[in-house]
Amino acid sequence: MDMVGEKKYGIHDGPIVDTERGSPIGEKNGVYYDDTGAVASESFAYGDSTTAKIHRFAGRFNIEQRGIERVPESERTDSNLHKIGTMWLAANMVVSSFAIGALAVPIFYLGFVDALLTIFFINILGIFPVCFFSTFGPRFGLRQMVLSRYFYGYYGVKLIAFFNVLACVGWSSVNVIVGAQILNAINSNVPGWAGIIIIAAATFFVTLFGYKVVHAYEFWSWIPCFIVFLIVLGEFVHSGQFSNIPMGVGESEAGAVLSFAASVFGFATGWTSYAADYTVYQPTNSSKTKVFLWTFAGLIFPLCFTEMLGLAVVTASVNNPTVAEGYDTNIGVLLAYVLAPLGRFGQFCLVILALSIIGNNCPNIYSVTFSLQVMSRWTAVIPRFIWTFIGTVIYCAIAIPGYSHFASVLEDFMLLIGYWLAIYEGIALTEHFFFKRGFTGYDITIYRDASRLPPGIAAIVAFCFGIMGAVMGMAQVWFIGPIGRLIGTGYGGDVGFPLAFAFSAISYGVMRTLEKRYFKR
């Protein structure tokens, strides 16, 4: 930046403020905002350091340079609320959510109606936290992991960031393996590693350029996927292989419903730890109600549609051994069977579904960078787009050997650690409603001040209690908890999510009261 830019923006170690305005506090359309601590985009390229030079180079290609720094009001120009809806619409109109619905019959032995109702009601429950935390982006201009400092403290949030990194990288690996399996089902000459690299490279290209390009890609990418899923629906209806499997009764039915509900809930609520990342460029005066509803609409439709479609298709496995065998191989073979009558066009449709993984993984790879940046001061210095590249390399390094050797183990592990989201929500919502008492309880000027943020002791202790609740209630391949074992028969019933939420929320309420009394913050 030249001397004129340096004069205009108060570049220093503290808050970066537009000094021509004279104050970080202003008013826009009747809404007052405070830009204290906000970082102007020009500041990233200022100076002669290596980082500044890298930022200047990236700026030539319009690559987003901002990481975990707060967005000033002057740069929050993305006022199109419908982009929030299409963002989540594209991220969930994918083969991964189709696969969640397909779990109901061969894994949990549910009937059609009970599985259908579970998908509908549990998805509504799971997406509420995502919708709620999406409203924080316009209000504060902070990424979700930075906002989490107000719940977990400056240092405690590093634990949450670690789990979020595991989630982003792990699920990206699982998803890209599914996409590669579909490509291999189309053409066995396309090896798994090649399919993984194709999908990962395309995802990297989108996420490299940042917020605007991610939103632009997701704005359109759901359309061809939706059309293909409609074709799958039409072909399956035409085949006449749907089976209205009757609903079960008794203890085994209760356990199966709870375990399937855990899978549905975990997938739906998995976006909570990214929620505000995709609304930070929305103006402060954006309606919280509209942001919430657009997010809700963008999530509930694709989740219910694709999961119910997956459920319907897999009912054919009861009477058709070929369908059952296809599901046992991988979800790509199952879809290939449904679309086989369409010949080459059916193969083209499968390619579209394989590439839908790009839209599914974009939020993972874009948001993993912010979790990495809050880990420490030195990770915060590394530009966002470099972390995007590193994250891509890491999940490819996991997925390529995982494709042939431990894909199911990897997925089981990701399901096992997924309970952390219920713990995160239990602590964050308790802090927001009972201690912050709403949005007015946040002092946005302290988001980088460890001495004024919550100490985080209560949150870490409550997190441990939440783990205890999850362990007691889970019913997974690797472990069935003592409470989970009491529900249903055989494999038990999974109540890990509600117990994790309850244990963490209640213990946090007690510990946080003591913490505030002692530390006064």
Protein backbone atom coordinates (compact mmCIF):
# COMPACT_ATOMS: atom_id res chain seq x y z
CA MET A 1 0.00 0.00 0.00
CA ASP A 2 1.30 3.52 -0.81
CA MET A 3 1.55 6.42 1.65
CA VAL A 4 -1.90 7.66 0.72
CA GLY A 5 -3.38 4.30 1.67
CA GLU A 6 -1.33 4.27 4.88
CA LYS A 7 -2.68 7.72 5.79
CA LYS A 8 -6.26 6.78 5.04
CA TYR A 9 -6.20 3.62 7.13
CA GLY A 10 -4.79 3.66 10.63
CA ILE A 11 -2.50 0.67 10.17
CA HIS A 12 -1.13 -0.47 13.52
CA ASP A 13 -1.24 -3.36 15.93
CA GLY A 14 -4.65 -2.42 17.30
CA PRO A 15 -7.98 -1.92 15.52
CA ILE A 16 -7.74 -0.79 11.91
CA VAL A 17 -10.10 2.12 11.41
CA ASP A 18 -10.90 4.39 8.49
CA THR A 19 -9.44 7.60 9.92
CA GLU A 20 -11.22 9.79 7.38
CA ARG A 21 -14.47 8.86 9.06
CA GLY A 22 -12.82 9.63 12.40
CA SER A 23 -14.69 6.94 14.34
CA PRO A 24 -15.36 3.23 13.99
CA ILE A 25 -18.96 3.80 15.12
CA GLY A 26 -21.55 4.74 12.54
CA GLU A 27 -25.15 4.43 11.40
CA LYS A 28 -26.56 2.75 8.31
CA ASN A 29 -30.25 2.76 7.43
CA GLY A 30 -31.23 3.33 11.04
CA VAL A 31 -28.94 0.61 12.43
CA TYR A 32 -25.88 1.57 14.46
CA TYR A 33 -22.70 -0.42 13.96
CA ASP A 34 -19.28 -0.49 15.60
CA ASP A 35 -16.30 -1.23 13.35
CA THR A 36 -13.82 -1.42 16.22
CA GLY A 37 -11.41 -4.27 15.48
CA ALA A 38 -12.52 -4.54 11.86
CA VAL A 39 -9.71 -4.91 9.32
CA ALA A 40 -9.88 -3.16 5.97
CA SER A 41 -9.01 -5.37 3.01
CA GLU A 42 -6.31 -2.96 1.86
CA SER A 43 -4.29 -3.62 4.99
CA PHE A 44 -3.45 -7.21 4.06
CA ALA A 45 -1.13 -6.11 1.27
CA TYR A 46 0.58 -3.35 3.27
CA GLY A 47 4.29 -3.63 4.03
CA ASP A 48 7.34 -5.46 2.73
CA SER A 49 6.94 -8.73 4.62
CA THR A 50 6.71 -12.03 2.76
CA THR A 51 3.08 -12.36 3.81
CA ALA A 52 2.23 -8.92 2.43
CA LYS A 53 3.90 -9.77 -0.87
CA ILE A 54 1.91 -13.01 -1.10
CA HIS A 55 -1.29 -11.09 -0.41
CA ARG A 56 -0.44 -8.54 -3.12
CA PHE A 57 0.16 -11.35 -5.59
CA ALA A 58 -3.14 -13.01 -4.64
CA GLY A 59 -4.94 -9.69 -4.95
CA ARG A 60 -4.04 -9.52 -8.63
CA PHE A 61 -6.29 -12.51 -9.23
CA ASN A 62 -9.11 -11.28 -6.98
CA ILE A 63 -8.46 -14.03 -4.46
CA GLU A 64 -10.10 -13.31 -1.11
CA GLN A 65 -7.32 -12.34 1.31
CA ARG A 66 -9.38 -12.05 4.48
CA GLY A 67 -9.20 -14.82 7.03
CA ILE A 68 -10.42 -14.58 10.62
CA GLU A 69 -10.23 -10.78 10.69
CA ARG A 70 -13.47 -8.92 11.28
CA VAL A 71 -15.22 -7.49 8.20
CA PRO A 72 -15.83 -3.71 8.33
CA GLU A 73 -19.30 -2.45 7.53
CA SER A 74 -18.07 -0.68 4.38
CA GLU A 75 -17.15 -4.05 2.87
CA ARG A 76 -20.36 -5.87 3.79
CA THR A 77 -22.00 -5.39 0.43
CA ASP A 78 -23.54 -8.83 -0.16
CA SER A 79 -27.15 -7.84 0.39
CA ASN A 80 -28.71 -10.69 -1.66
CA LEU A 81 -30.22 -12.87 1.05
CA HIS A 82 -31.27 -15.55 -1.40
CA LYS A 83 -27.58 -16.43 -1.84
CA ILE A 84 -27.63 -17.78 1.69
CA GLY A 85 -30.39 -20.18 0.68
CA THR A 86 -28.71 -21.33 -2.54
CA MET A 87 -25.43 -21.78 -0.67
CA TRP A 88 -26.92 -24.47 1.56
CA LEU A 89 -29.19 -25.78 -1.18
CA ALA A 90 -26.17 -26.70 -3.30
CA ALA A 91 -24.15 -28.05 -0.36
CA ASN A 92 -26.92 -30.56 0.43
CA MET A 93 -28.39 -31.38 -3.00
CA VAL A 94 -25.69 -34.02 -3.23
CA VAL A 95 -25.17 -37.76 -3.31
CA SER A 96 -23.89 -37.75 0.29
CA SER A 97 -27.31 -36.77 1.65
CA PHE A 98 -28.93 -39.35 -0.67
CA ALA A 99 -26.69 -41.93 1.01
CA ILE A 100 -27.91 -40.87 4.48
CA GLY A 101 -31.50 -41.69 3.56
CA ALA A 102 -30.42 -45.00 2.07
CA LEU A 103 -29.13 -46.12 5.48
CA ALA A 104 -32.67 -46.59 6.83
CA VAL A 105 -33.47 -50.01 5.40
CA PRO A 106 -30.28 -52.07 5.02
CA ILE A 107 -28.56 -50.74 8.16
CA PHE A 108 -31.39 -49.90 10.57
CA TYR A 109 -34.15 -52.17 9.17
CA LEU A 110 -36.80 -49.46 9.33
CA GLY A 111 -40.09 -49.32 7.48
CA PHE A 112 -40.79 -46.64 4.87
CA VAL A 113 -43.20 -44.42 6.82
CA ASP A 114 -41.28 -44.39 10.11
CA ALA A 115 -38.03 -43.62 8.29
CA LEU A 116 -39.74 -40.89 6.26
CA LEU A 117 -41.11 -39.19 9.39
CA THR A 118 -37.73 -39.47 11.09
CA ILE A 119 -36.03 -37.75 8.16
CA PHE A 120 -38.53 -34.89 8.19
CA PHE A 121 -38.69 -34.07 11.88
CA ILE A 122 -35.06 -34.75 12.78
CA ASN A 123 -33.80 -32.57 9.92
CA ILE A 124 -35.91 -29.68 11.22
CA LEU A 125 -34.36 -30.15 14.65
CA GLY A 126 -30.84 -30.50 13.27
CA ILE A 127 -30.80 -27.39 11.10
CA PHE A 128 -32.15 -24.97 13.71
CA PRO A 129 -28.70 -24.23 15.19
CA VAL A 130 -27.30 -23.66 11.68
CA CYS A 131 -30.05 -21.15 10.92
CA PHE A 132 -29.63 -19.43 14.27
CA PHE A 133 -25.86 -18.97 14.11
CA SER A 134 -26.12 -17.78 10.50
CA THR A 135 -27.76 -14.63 11.91
CA PHE A 136 -24.54 -13.82 13.82
CA GLY A 137 -22.56 -13.14 10.62
CA PRO A 138 -24.33 -9.93 9.58
CA ARG A 139 -24.57 -8.72 13.17
CA PHE A 140 -20.87 -9.03 14.04
CA GLY A 141 -18.92 -9.64 10.82
CA LEU A 142 -16.98 -12.50 12.44
CA ARG A 143 -16.38 -16.07 11.36
CA GLN A 144 -18.03 -18.84 13.38
CA MET A 145 -14.81 -20.01 15.04
CA VAL A 146 -13.95 -16.45 16.09
CA LEU A 147 -17.47 -15.96 17.46
CA SER A 148 -16.90 -19.14 19.45
CA ARG A 149 -14.35 -17.26 21.55
CA TYR A 150 -17.32 -15.63 23.28
CA PHE A 151 -18.45 -19.11 24.38
CA TYR A 152 -15.17 -20.96 24.90
CA GLY A 153 -12.69 -18.18 25.55
CA TYR A 154 -9.61 -17.19 23.56
CA TYR A 155 -7.71 -20.36 24.41
CA GLY A 156 -10.57 -22.80 24.93
CA VAL A 157 -11.78 -22.25 21.37
CA LYS A 158 -8.62 -23.96 20.11
CA LEU A 159 -10.08 -27.28 21.24
CA ILE A 160 -13.24 -26.58 19.26
CA ALA A 161 -11.18 -25.55 16.25
CA PHE A 162 -9.27 -28.84 16.46
CA PHE A 163 -12.49 -30.86 16.34
CA ASN A 164 -13.74 -28.70 13.49
CA VAL A 165 -10.55 -29.36 11.52
CA LEU A 166 -11.06 -33.10 12.05
CA ALA A 167 -14.66 -32.75 10.85
CA CYS A 168 -13.81 -30.67 7.77
CA VAL A 169 -10.90 -32.83 6.63
CA GLY A 170 -12.51 -36.13 7.61
CA TRP A 171 -15.86 -35.55 5.92
CA SER A 172 -14.13 -34.11 2.85
CA SER A 173 -12.23 -37.41 2.62
CA VAL A 174 -15.38 -39.50 3.04
CA ASN A 175 -17.31 -37.41 0.50
CA VAL A 176 -14.59 -37.43 -2.15
CA ILE A 177 -14.29 -41.22 -1.83
CA VAL A 178 -18.03 -41.49 -2.56
CA GLY A 179 -17.62 -39.29 -5.64
CA ALA A 180 -14.66 -41.34 -6.85
CA GLN A 181 -16.65 -44.56 -6.36
CA ILE A 182 -19.39 -43.20 -8.62
CA LEU A 183 -16.86 -42.30 -11.34
CA ASN A 184 -15.40 -45.78 -11.05
CA ALA A 185 -18.89 -47.30 -11.32
CA ILE A 186 -19.31 -45.44 -14.63
CA ASN A 187 -15.93 -46.45 -15.99
CA SER A 188 -13.78 -49.01 -14.20
CA ASN A 189 -10.75 -47.62 -16.05
CA VAL A 190 -10.95 -44.49 -13.87
CA PRO A 191 -9.03 -45.51 -10.73
CA GLY A 192 -10.10 -44.24 -7.33
CA TRP A 193 -7.12 -41.95 -6.91
CA ALA A 194 -7.85 -40.22 -10.24
CA GLY A 195 -11.47 -39.56 -9.28
CA ILE A 196 -10.36 -38.17 -5.93
CA ILE A 197 -7.87 -35.79 -7.51
CA ILE A 198 -10.38 -34.59 -10.12
CA ILE A 199 -13.02 -33.73 -7.51
CA ALA A 200 -10.52 -32.29 -5.02
CA ALA A 201 -8.83 -30.10 -7.64
CA ALA A 202 -12.16 -28.64 -8.74
CA THR A 203 -13.13 -28.00 -5.10
CA PHE A 204 -9.80 -26.30 -4.45
CA PHE A 205 -10.21 -24.03 -7.46
CA VAL A 206 -13.60 -22.81 -6.20
CA THR A 207 -12.56 -22.33 -2.56
CA LEU A 208 -9.22 -20.74 -3.48
CA PHE A 209 -10.96 -17.56 -4.64
CA GLY A 210 -13.02 -17.33 -1.48
CA TYR A 211 -16.43 -16.15 -0.35
CA LYS A 212 -17.77 -14.59 -3.55
CA VAL A 213 -16.77 -17.45 -5.85
CA VAL A 214 -18.01 -20.10 -3.39
CA HIS A 215 -21.41 -18.38 -3.27
CA ALA A 216 -21.43 -17.91 -7.06
CA TYR A 217 -20.66 -21.57 -7.68
CA GLU A 218 -23.22 -22.81 -5.18
CA PHE A 219 -25.82 -20.43 -6.64
CA TRP A 220 -25.93 -22.49 -9.84
CA SER A 221 -24.47 -25.92 -9.04
CA TRP A 222 -27.60 -27.29 -7.34
CA ILE A 223 -29.69 -27.01 -10.51
CA PRO A 224 -28.15 -29.85 -12.58
CA CYS A 225 -27.99 -32.02 -9.45
CA PHE A 226 -31.68 -31.43 -8.75
CA ILE A 227 -32.56 -32.31 -12.35
CA VAL A 228 -30.59 -35.55 -12.13
CA PHE A 229 -32.25 -36.50 -8.85
CA LEU A 230 -35.62 -35.89 -10.51
CA ILE A 231 -34.53 -38.24 -13.30
CA VAL A 232 -33.53 -40.83 -10.67
CA LEU A 233 -36.97 -40.43 -9.10
CA GLY A 234 -38.71 -40.80 -12.45
CA GLU A 235 -36.72 -43.88 -13.44
CA PHE A 236 -37.29 -45.52 -10.08
CA VAL A 237 -41.03 -44.86 -10.17
CA HIS A 238 -41.15 -46.24 -13.72
CA SER A 239 -39.33 -49.40 -12.61
CA GLY A 240 -42.14 -50.23 -10.18
CA GLN A 241 -39.68 -51.60 -7.62
CA PHE A 242 -40.72 -49.41 -4.71
CA SER A 243 -41.73 -51.40 -1.63
CA ASN A 244 -43.77 -49.85 1.16
CA ILE A 245 -41.99 -51.69 3.96
CA PRO A 246 -44.26 -51.84 7.03
CA MET A 247 -43.31 -50.07 10.22
CA GLY A 248 -41.82 -52.17 12.99
CA VAL A 249 -43.00 -52.26 16.59
CA GLY A 250 -41.55 -52.76 20.05
CA GLU A 251 -38.11 -52.17 21.52
CA SER A 252 -36.16 -52.97 18.38
CA GLU A 253 -38.14 -50.37 16.42
CA ALA A 254 -37.48 -47.71 19.05
CA GLY A 255 -33.75 -48.42 19.05
CA ALA A 256 -33.55 -48.43 15.25
CA VAL A 257 -35.43 -45.12 14.92
CA LEU A 258 -33.17 -43.43 17.49
CA SER A 259 -30.00 -44.70 15.80
CA PHE A 260 -31.17 -43.62 12.33
CA ALA A 261 -32.24 -40.26 13.80
CA ALA A 262 -28.69 -39.80 15.13
CA SER A 263 -27.27 -40.24 11.61
CA VAL A 264 -29.79 -37.79 10.13
CA PHE A 265 -29.26 -35.24 12.91
CA GLY A 266 -25.47 -35.44 12.70
CA PHE A 267 -25.50 -34.74 8.97
CA ALA A 268 -27.98 -31.86 9.23
CA THR A 269 -26.42 -30.10 12.21
CA GLY A 270 -22.89 -30.61 10.90
CA TRP A 271 -22.94 -27.17 9.27
CA THR A 272 -23.36 -25.37 12.62
CA SER A 273 -19.65 -24.82 13.14
CA TYR A 274 -19.44 -22.99 9.76
CA ALA A 275 -22.76 -21.13 9.84
CA ALA A 276 -21.63 -17.50 10.21
CA ASP A 277 -18.79 -17.92 7.69
CA TYR A 278 -21.27 -17.53 4.83
CA THR A 279 -23.07 -14.43 6.08
CA VAL A 280 -20.17 -12.22 7.28
CA TYR A 281 -20.37 -10.02 4.20
CA GLN A 282 -24.07 -9.34 4.74
CA PRO A 283 -24.81 -5.78 5.98
CA THR A 284 -25.43 -5.20 9.68
CA ASN A 285 -29.02 -4.13 8.98
CA SER A 286 -29.89 -7.48 7.38
CA SER A 287 -33.06 -8.89 8.89
CA LYS A 288 -32.23 -11.71 11.31
CA THR A 289 -35.59 -13.30 10.56
CA LYS A 290 -34.95 -13.32 6.81
CA VAL A 291 -31.43 -14.69 7.23
CA PHE A 292 -32.82 -17.45 9.45
CA LEU A 293 -35.63 -18.33 7.03
CA TRP A 294 -33.44 -18.30 3.91
CA THR A 295 -30.99 -20.60 5.67
CA PHE A 296 -33.85 -22.85 6.80
CA ALA A 297 -35.30 -23.06 3.30
CA GLY A 298 -31.90 -23.73 1.76
CA LEU A 299 -31.31 -26.63 4.13
CA ILE A 300 -34.65 -28.32 4.70
CA PHE A 301 -35.62 -28.82 1.05
CA PRO A 302 -32.48 -30.60 -0.27
CA LEU A 303 -31.99 -32.62 2.91
CA CYS A 304 -35.53 -33.96 2.95
CA PHE A 305 -35.76 -34.43 -0.82
CA THR A 306 -32.48 -36.32 -1.29
CA GLU A 307 -32.73 -38.39 1.90
CA MET A 308 -36.34 -39.39 1.19
CA LEU A 309 -35.33 -40.29 -2.36
CA GLY A 310 -32.47 -42.42 -1.05
CA LEU A 311 -34.90 -44.11 1.33
CA ALA A 312 -37.40 -44.83 -1.45
CA VAL A 313 -34.79 -46.26 -3.82
CA VAL A 314 -33.25 -48.55 -1.23
CA THR A 315 -36.64 -50.12 -0.39
CA ALA A 316 -36.19 -52.08 -3.62
CA SER A 317 -33.39 -54.00 -1.92
CA VAL A 318 -35.99 -56.02 0.02
CA ASN A 319 -37.27 -57.83 -3.07
CA ASN A 320 -34.41 -57.33 -5.53
CA PRO A 321 -31.06 -58.98 -4.67
CA THR A 322 -29.32 -56.92 -7.37
CA VAL A 323 -30.24 -53.67 -5.60
CA ALA A 324 -29.15 -55.12 -2.26
CA GLU A 325 -25.83 -56.19 -3.75
CA GLY A 326 -25.37 -52.78 -5.35
CA TYR A 327 -25.88 -51.01 -2.02
CA ASP A 328 -23.45 -53.38 -0.31
CA THR A 329 -20.80 -52.45 -2.89
CA ASN A 330 -21.22 -48.65 -2.71
CA ILE A 331 -23.85 -46.00 -3.30
CA GLY A 332 -22.52 -45.36 -6.81
CA VAL A 333 -23.39 -48.88 -7.93
CA LEU A 334 -26.92 -48.45 -6.54
CA LEU A 335 -27.43 -45.22 -8.51
CA ALA A 336 -25.89 -46.79 -11.61
CA TYR A 337 -28.45 -49.60 -11.39
CA VAL A 338 -31.37 -47.12 -11.26
CA LEU A 339 -30.05 -45.10 -14.22
CA ALA A 340 -28.88 -48.10 -16.29
CA PRO A 341 -31.94 -48.05 -18.63
CA LEU A 342 -30.88 -44.59 -19.85
CA GLY A 343 -27.61 -45.88 -21.28
CA ARG A 344 -24.98 -43.21 -21.99
CA PHE A 345 -27.27 -40.46 -20.77
CA GLY A 346 -27.59 -42.30 -17.46
CA GLN A 347 -23.80 -42.37 -17.21
CA PHE A 348 -23.73 -38.64 -17.86
CA CYS A 349 -26.20 -38.18 -14.99
CA LEU A 350 -23.90 -40.18 -12.73
CA VAL A 351 -21.01 -37.88 -13.61
CA ILE A 352 -23.14 -34.91 -12.51
CA LEU A 353 -23.87 -36.64 -9.20
CA ALA A 354 -20.19 -37.44 -8.69
CA LEU A 355 -19.31 -33.80 -9.27
CA SER A 356 -22.00 -32.74 -6.78
CA ILE A 357 -19.36 -33.60 -4.16
CA ILE A 358 -17.65 -30.34 -5.13
CA GLY A 359 -20.61 -28.37 -3.79
CA ASN A 360 -20.68 -30.60 -0.72
CA ASN A 361 -17.00 -30.12 0.08
CA CYS A 362 -16.74 -26.39 -0.66
CA PRO A 363 -18.01 -25.37 2.82
CA ASN A 364 -15.65 -27.89 4.44
CA ILE A 365 -12.52 -26.67 2.68
CA TYR A 366 -13.39 -22.98 2.78
CA SER A 367 -14.17 -23.05 6.51
CA VAL A 368 -11.33 -25.33 7.64
CA THR A 369 -8.97 -22.42 7.05
CA PHE A 370 -10.57 -20.32 9.81
CA SER A 371 -10.30 -23.13 12.32
CA LEU A 372 -6.62 -23.48 11.48
CA GLN A 373 -6.07 -19.74 11.81
CA VAL A 374 -7.53 -19.51 15.33
CA MET A 375 -5.17 -22.24 16.54
CA SER A 376 -2.29 -19.86 17.22
CA ARG A 377 -0.76 -16.53 16.27
CA TRP A 378 1.58 -18.06 13.73
CA THR A 379 -1.21 -20.01 11.99
CA ALA A 380 -3.22 -16.77 11.80
CA VAL A 381 -0.40 -15.14 9.84
CA ILE A 382 -0.51 -17.76 7.09
CA PRO A 383 -2.98 -16.55 4.41
CA ARG A 384 -6.35 -18.23 4.09
CA PHE A 385 -5.75 -19.42 0.53
CA ILE A 386 -2.52 -21.22 1.51
CA TRP A 387 -4.39 -23.10 4.24
CA THR A 388 -6.97 -24.01 1.60
CA PHE A 389 -4.24 -25.70 -0.42
CA ILE A 390 -2.78 -27.46 2.62
CA GLY A 391 -6.20 -28.70 3.69
CA THR A 392 -6.84 -30.07 0.19
CA VAL A 393 -3.52 -31.93 0.13
CA ILE A 394 -4.19 -33.45 3.57
CA TYR A 395 -7.66 -34.79 2.79
CA CYS A 396 -6.45 -36.20 -0.54
CA ALA A 397 -3.62 -37.92 1.32
CA ILE A 398 -6.24 -39.53 3.57
CA ALA A 399 -8.78 -40.34 0.86
CA ILE A 400 -6.47 -41.99 -1.70
CA PRO A 401 -5.32 -44.85 0.54
CA GLY A 402 -8.71 -44.82 2.29
CA TYR A 403 -10.49 -45.56 -1.00
CA SER A 404 -9.14 -49.09 -1.10
CA HIS A 405 -8.26 -49.89 2.48
CA PHE A 406 -10.28 -48.12 5.18
CA ALA A 407 -13.19 -46.15 3.71
CA SER A 408 -15.73 -47.75 6.06
CA VAL A 409 -13.39 -47.34 9.05
CA LEU A 410 -12.95 -43.66 8.22
CA GLU A 411 -16.72 -43.13 7.99
CA ASP A 412 -17.28 -44.96 11.27
CA PHE A 413 -14.67 -42.73 12.93
CA MET A 414 -16.33 -39.56 11.60
CA LEU A 415 -19.71 -40.70 12.92
CA LEU A 416 -18.07 -41.41 16.27
CA ILE A 417 -16.63 -37.91 16.72
CA GLY A 418 -19.75 -36.20 15.35
CA TYR A 419 -21.23 -35.89 18.83
CA TRP A 420 -18.98 -32.90 19.50
CA LEU A 421 -21.46 -30.72 17.61
CA ALA A 422 -24.19 -31.35 20.19
CA ILE A 423 -21.71 -30.35 22.90
CA TYR A 424 -20.77 -27.22 20.98
CA GLU A 425 -24.42 -26.26 20.62
CA GLY A 426 -25.26 -27.00 24.26
CA ILE A 427 -22.53 -24.67 25.52
CA ALA A 428 -22.95 -21.92 22.91
CA LEU A 429 -26.74 -21.68 23.23
CA THR A 430 -26.58 -21.70 27.03
CA GLU A 431 -24.06 -18.86 26.99
CA HIS A 432 -26.08 -16.86 24.48
CA PHE A 433 -29.49 -17.11 26.14
CA PHE A 434 -28.67 -17.34 29.84
CA PHE A 435 -25.46 -15.36 30.25
CA LYS A 436 -25.21 -13.00 27.26
CA ARG A 437 -29.03 -12.70 27.28
CA GLY A 438 -29.20 -12.12 23.55
CA PHE A 439 -27.19 -10.21 20.98
CA THR A 440 -26.82 -7.10 23.14
CA GLY A 441 -24.64 -9.02 25.58
CA TYR A 442 -21.67 -9.21 23.19
CA ASP A 443 -18.83 -6.67 23.37
CA ILE A 444 -17.57 -6.93 19.82
CA THR A 445 -14.47 -4.86 20.60
CA ILE A 446 -12.87 -7.64 22.65
CA TYR A 447 -12.85 -10.53 20.18
CA ARG A 448 -9.03 -10.49 20.11
CA ASP A 449 -8.50 -9.74 23.82
CA ALA A 450 -7.90 -12.92 25.82
CA SER A 451 -7.99 -11.01 29.11
CA ARG A 452 -11.57 -9.80 28.57
CA LEU A 453 -13.12 -12.84 26.90
CA PRO A 454 -14.52 -15.66 29.05
CA PRO A 455 -11.69 -17.68 30.68
CA GLY A 456 -12.99 -20.83 29.00
CA ILE A 457 -12.57 -23.08 32.05
CA ALA A 458 -16.31 -23.63 32.41
CA ALA A 459 -16.63 -24.45 28.71
CA ILE A 460 -13.82 -27.01 28.75
CA VAL A 461 -15.19 -28.72 31.87
CA ALA A 462 -18.67 -28.76 30.32
CA PHE A 463 -17.18 -30.14 27.10
CA CYS A 464 -15.78 -33.07 29.10
CA PHE A 465 -19.19 -33.65 30.68
CA GLY A 466 -20.69 -33.58 27.19
CA ILE A 467 -18.26 -36.27 26.06
CA MET A 468 -19.38 -38.34 29.04
CA GLY A 469 -23.01 -37.96 27.94
CA ALA A 470 -22.16 -38.90 24.35
CA VAL A 471 -20.23 -41.99 25.42
CA MET A 472 -23.05 -43.14 27.71
CA GLY A 473 -25.71 -42.73 25.02
CA MET A 474 -23.99 -43.64 21.76
CA ALA A 475 -24.69 -46.77 19.76
CA GLN A 476 -21.99 -47.01 17.12
CA VAL A 477 -20.17 -49.80 15.30
CA TRP A 478 -17.15 -49.47 17.60
CA PHE A 479 -18.93 -48.92 20.90
CA ILE A 480 -22.37 -49.02 22.51
CA GLY A 481 -22.78 -46.94 25.67
CA PRO A 482 -24.45 -48.23 28.82
CA ILE A 483 -27.57 -46.09 28.29
CA GLY A 484 -27.66 -46.72 24.55
CA ARG A 485 -27.52 -50.46 25.27
CA LEU A 486 -30.68 -50.24 27.39
CA ILE A 487 -32.72 -49.05 24.40
CA GLY A 488 -33.92 -51.47 21.78
CA THR A 489 -32.35 -54.86 21.25
CA GLY A 490 -29.05 -56.10 19.88
CA TYR A 491 -27.31 -52.92 18.72
CA GLY A 492 -29.16 -50.64 21.15
CA GLY A 493 -30.49 -47.17 20.39
CA ASP A 494 -28.38 -44.05 19.89
CA VAL A 495 -29.21 -41.20 22.31
CA GLY A 496 -25.68 -39.79 22.29
CA PHE A 497 -26.66 -36.44 20.75
CA PRO A 498 -29.39 -35.47 23.25
CA LEU A 499 -27.33 -36.69 26.22
CA ALA A 500 -24.23 -34.81 25.00
CA PHE A 501 -26.32 -31.66 24.63
CA ALA A 502 -27.99 -32.02 28.03
CA PHE A 503 -24.81 -32.91 29.95
CA SER A 504 -22.86 -30.02 28.42
CA ALA A 505 -25.63 -27.42 28.75
CA ILE A 506 -26.47 -28.22 32.39
CA SER A 507 -22.86 -28.51 33.56
CA TYR A 508 -21.94 -25.33 31.69
CA GLY A 509 -24.76 -23.42 33.37
CA VAL A 510 -23.40 -24.39 36.79
CA MET A 511 -19.70 -23.94 36.01
CA ARG A 512 -20.18 -20.67 34.12
CA THR A 513 -22.07 -19.17 37.05
CA LEU A 514 -19.12 -19.93 39.31
CA GLU A 515 -16.62 -18.79 36.71
CA LYS A 516 -18.30 -15.40 36.24
CA ARG A 517 -18.55 -14.92 39.99
CA TYR A 518 -14.80 -15.51 40.39
CA PHE A 519 -13.32 -13.96 37.22
CA LYS A 520 -15.96 -11.23 36.69
CA ARG A 521 -16.03 -11.89 32.94
